[in-house]
Amino acid sequence: MIDWITVWTVLFVSSVTIFAIMAVVVTIRGARDIKQLLRSIEKGDREDGQDSEK
């Protein structure tokens, strides 16, 4: 029979691993989104295609 220490160790390690992977993915995608945002602001592009100064 599996003892409880092993069960909780496996659960803890897998949870920390999943969290670490998600943190890396969110950081990379967030950085990409911020780059796109800054580039679009630099160009003066707007998503709705309208100028705010009319």
N, C-alpha and C. Protein backbone atom coordinates (compact mmCIF):
# COMPACT_ATOMS: atom_id res chain seq x y z
N MET A 1 0.84 -1.19 0.00
CA MET A 1 0.00 0.00 0.00
C MET A 1 0.88 1.25 0.00
N ILE A 2 0.48 2.22 -0.81
CA ILE A 2 1.23 3.47 -0.90
C ILE A 2 1.00 4.27 0.38
N ASP A 3 2.09 4.73 0.98
CA ASP A 3 1.89 5.52 2.18
C ASP A 3 1.59 6.97 1.82
N TRP A 4 1.02 7.69 2.77
CA TRP A 4 0.52 9.03 2.52
C TRP A 4 1.61 10.03 2.19
N ILE A 5 2.80 9.83 2.72
CA ILE A 5 3.90 10.75 2.42
C ILE A 5 4.23 10.72 0.93
N THR A 6 4.22 9.55 0.35
CA THR A 6 4.48 9.42 -1.09
C THR A 6 3.39 10.09 -1.90
N VAL A 7 2.15 9.89 -1.54
CA VAL A 7 1.03 10.49 -2.25
C VAL A 7 1.13 12.01 -2.22
N TRP A 8 1.35 12.58 -1.04
CA TRP A 8 1.43 14.03 -0.91
C TRP A 8 2.68 14.59 -1.58
N THR A 9 3.76 13.85 -1.58
CA THR A 9 4.98 14.29 -2.26
C THR A 9 4.76 14.36 -3.76
N VAL A 10 4.16 13.34 -4.31
CA VAL A 10 3.87 13.33 -5.75
C VAL A 10 2.90 14.46 -6.10
N LEU A 11 1.89 14.64 -5.31
CA LEU A 11 0.93 15.71 -5.55
C LEU A 11 1.59 17.09 -5.47
N PHE A 12 2.42 17.29 -4.48
CA PHE A 12 3.10 18.57 -4.31
C PHE A 12 4.06 18.85 -5.47
N VAL A 13 4.87 17.87 -5.82
CA VAL A 13 5.84 18.06 -6.91
C VAL A 13 5.14 18.31 -8.23
N SER A 14 4.09 17.58 -8.51
CA SER A 14 3.37 17.79 -9.78
C SER A 14 2.67 19.16 -9.78
N SER A 15 2.16 19.61 -8.66
CA SER A 15 1.52 20.92 -8.59
C SER A 15 2.54 22.04 -8.82
N VAL A 16 3.69 21.93 -8.19
CA VAL A 16 4.74 22.95 -8.37
C VAL A 16 5.24 22.95 -9.81
N THR A 17 5.36 21.78 -10.41
CA THR A 17 5.81 21.69 -11.80
C THR A 17 4.80 22.34 -12.75
N ILE A 18 3.54 22.05 -12.56
CA ILE A 18 2.50 22.66 -13.40
C ILE A 18 2.48 24.17 -13.22
N PHE A 19 2.61 24.64 -11.99
CA PHE A 19 2.65 26.08 -11.73
C PHE A 19 3.84 26.72 -12.43
N ALA A 20 5.00 26.10 -12.36
CA ALA A 20 6.20 26.66 -12.99
C ALA A 20 6.03 26.75 -14.50
N ILE A 21 5.48 25.71 -15.11
CA ILE A 21 5.25 25.72 -16.56
C ILE A 21 4.26 26.82 -16.94
N MET A 22 3.18 26.95 -16.18
CA MET A 22 2.19 27.99 -16.48
C MET A 22 2.80 29.38 -16.31
N ALA A 23 3.63 29.57 -15.30
CA ALA A 23 4.26 30.87 -15.08
C ALA A 23 5.16 31.25 -16.26
N VAL A 24 5.90 30.29 -16.78
CA VAL A 24 6.78 30.56 -17.93
C VAL A 24 5.94 30.89 -19.16
N VAL A 25 4.90 30.13 -19.41
CA VAL A 25 4.05 30.37 -20.59
C VAL A 25 3.38 31.73 -20.51
N VAL A 26 2.83 32.07 -19.36
CA VAL A 26 2.16 33.37 -19.19
C VAL A 26 3.15 34.52 -19.34
N THR A 27 4.35 34.36 -18.81
CA THR A 27 5.37 35.40 -18.94
C THR A 27 5.76 35.63 -20.39
N ILE A 28 5.98 34.55 -21.12
CA ILE A 28 6.38 34.68 -22.53
C ILE A 28 5.26 35.30 -23.35
N ARG A 29 4.05 34.81 -23.20
CA ARG A 29 2.93 35.36 -23.98
C ARG A 29 2.61 36.79 -23.56
N GLY A 30 2.73 37.10 -22.29
CA GLY A 30 2.50 38.46 -21.82
C GLY A 30 3.52 39.42 -22.39
N ALA A 31 4.77 39.01 -22.43
CA ALA A 31 5.81 39.86 -23.02
C ALA A 31 5.54 40.10 -24.50
N ARG A 32 5.07 39.07 -25.19
CA ARG A 32 4.75 39.23 -26.61
C ARG A 32 3.59 40.22 -26.80
N ASP A 33 2.57 40.10 -25.95
CA ASP A 33 1.44 41.03 -26.03
C ASP A 33 1.85 42.46 -25.74
N ILE A 34 2.71 42.65 -24.76
CA ILE A 34 3.17 44.00 -24.43
C ILE A 34 3.99 44.58 -25.58
N LYS A 35 4.83 43.76 -26.22
CA LYS A 35 5.59 44.23 -27.39
C LYS A 35 4.63 44.70 -28.49
N GLN A 36 3.59 43.89 -28.76
CA GLN A 36 2.62 44.27 -29.78
C GLN A 36 1.91 45.55 -29.41
N LEU A 37 1.54 45.70 -28.16
CA LEU A 37 0.87 46.91 -27.69
C LEU A 37 1.76 48.13 -27.89
N LEU A 38 3.01 48.03 -27.49
CA LEU A 38 3.92 49.17 -27.63
C LEU A 38 4.18 49.50 -29.10
N ARG A 39 4.28 48.49 -29.94
CA ARG A 39 4.47 48.75 -31.38
C ARG A 39 3.24 49.44 -31.98
N SER A 40 2.05 48.99 -31.58
CA SER A 40 0.84 49.60 -32.13
C SER A 40 0.67 51.03 -31.63
N ILE A 41 1.06 51.29 -30.39
CA ILE A 41 1.00 52.66 -29.88
C ILE A 41 2.00 53.53 -30.61
N GLU A 42 3.18 52.98 -30.87
CA GLU A 42 4.23 53.72 -31.57
C GLU A 42 3.78 54.09 -32.98
N LYS A 43 3.09 53.18 -33.65
CA LYS A 43 2.59 53.44 -35.00
C LYS A 43 1.37 54.35 -34.99
N GLY A 44 0.66 54.38 -33.89
CA GLY A 44 -0.57 55.15 -33.82
C GLY A 44 -1.77 54.38 -34.29
N ASP A 45 -1.63 53.06 -34.38
CA ASP A 45 -2.75 52.22 -34.82
C ASP A 45 -3.79 52.11 -33.71
N ARG A 46 -5.04 51.98 -34.15
CA ARG A 46 -6.13 51.70 -33.21
C ARG A 46 -6.91 50.52 -33.75
N GLU A 47 -7.43 49.71 -32.85
CA GLU A 47 -8.16 48.52 -33.30
C GLU A 47 -9.46 48.87 -33.99
N ASP A 48 -10.13 49.91 -33.55
CA ASP A 48 -11.42 50.24 -34.15
C ASP A 48 -11.26 51.07 -35.43
N GLY A 49 -10.03 51.51 -35.73
CA GLY A 49 -9.79 52.24 -36.96
C GLY A 49 -10.21 53.69 -36.94
N GLN A 50 -10.55 54.23 -35.81
CA GLN A 50 -10.99 55.62 -35.71
C GLN A 50 -9.93 56.43 -34.98
N ASP A 51 -9.82 57.70 -35.37
CA ASP A 51 -8.93 58.62 -34.66
C ASP A 51 -9.65 59.20 -33.46
N SER A 52 -8.93 59.42 -32.40
CA SER A 52 -9.57 59.99 -31.21
C SER A 52 -9.66 61.51 -31.33
N GLU A 53 -8.89 62.12 -32.24
CA GLU A 53 -8.90 63.58 -32.39
C GLU A 53 -9.67 63.96 -33.63
N LYS A 54 -10.98 64.08 -33.52
CA LYS A 54 -11.81 64.50 -34.67
C LYS A 54 -12.48 65.78 -34.35
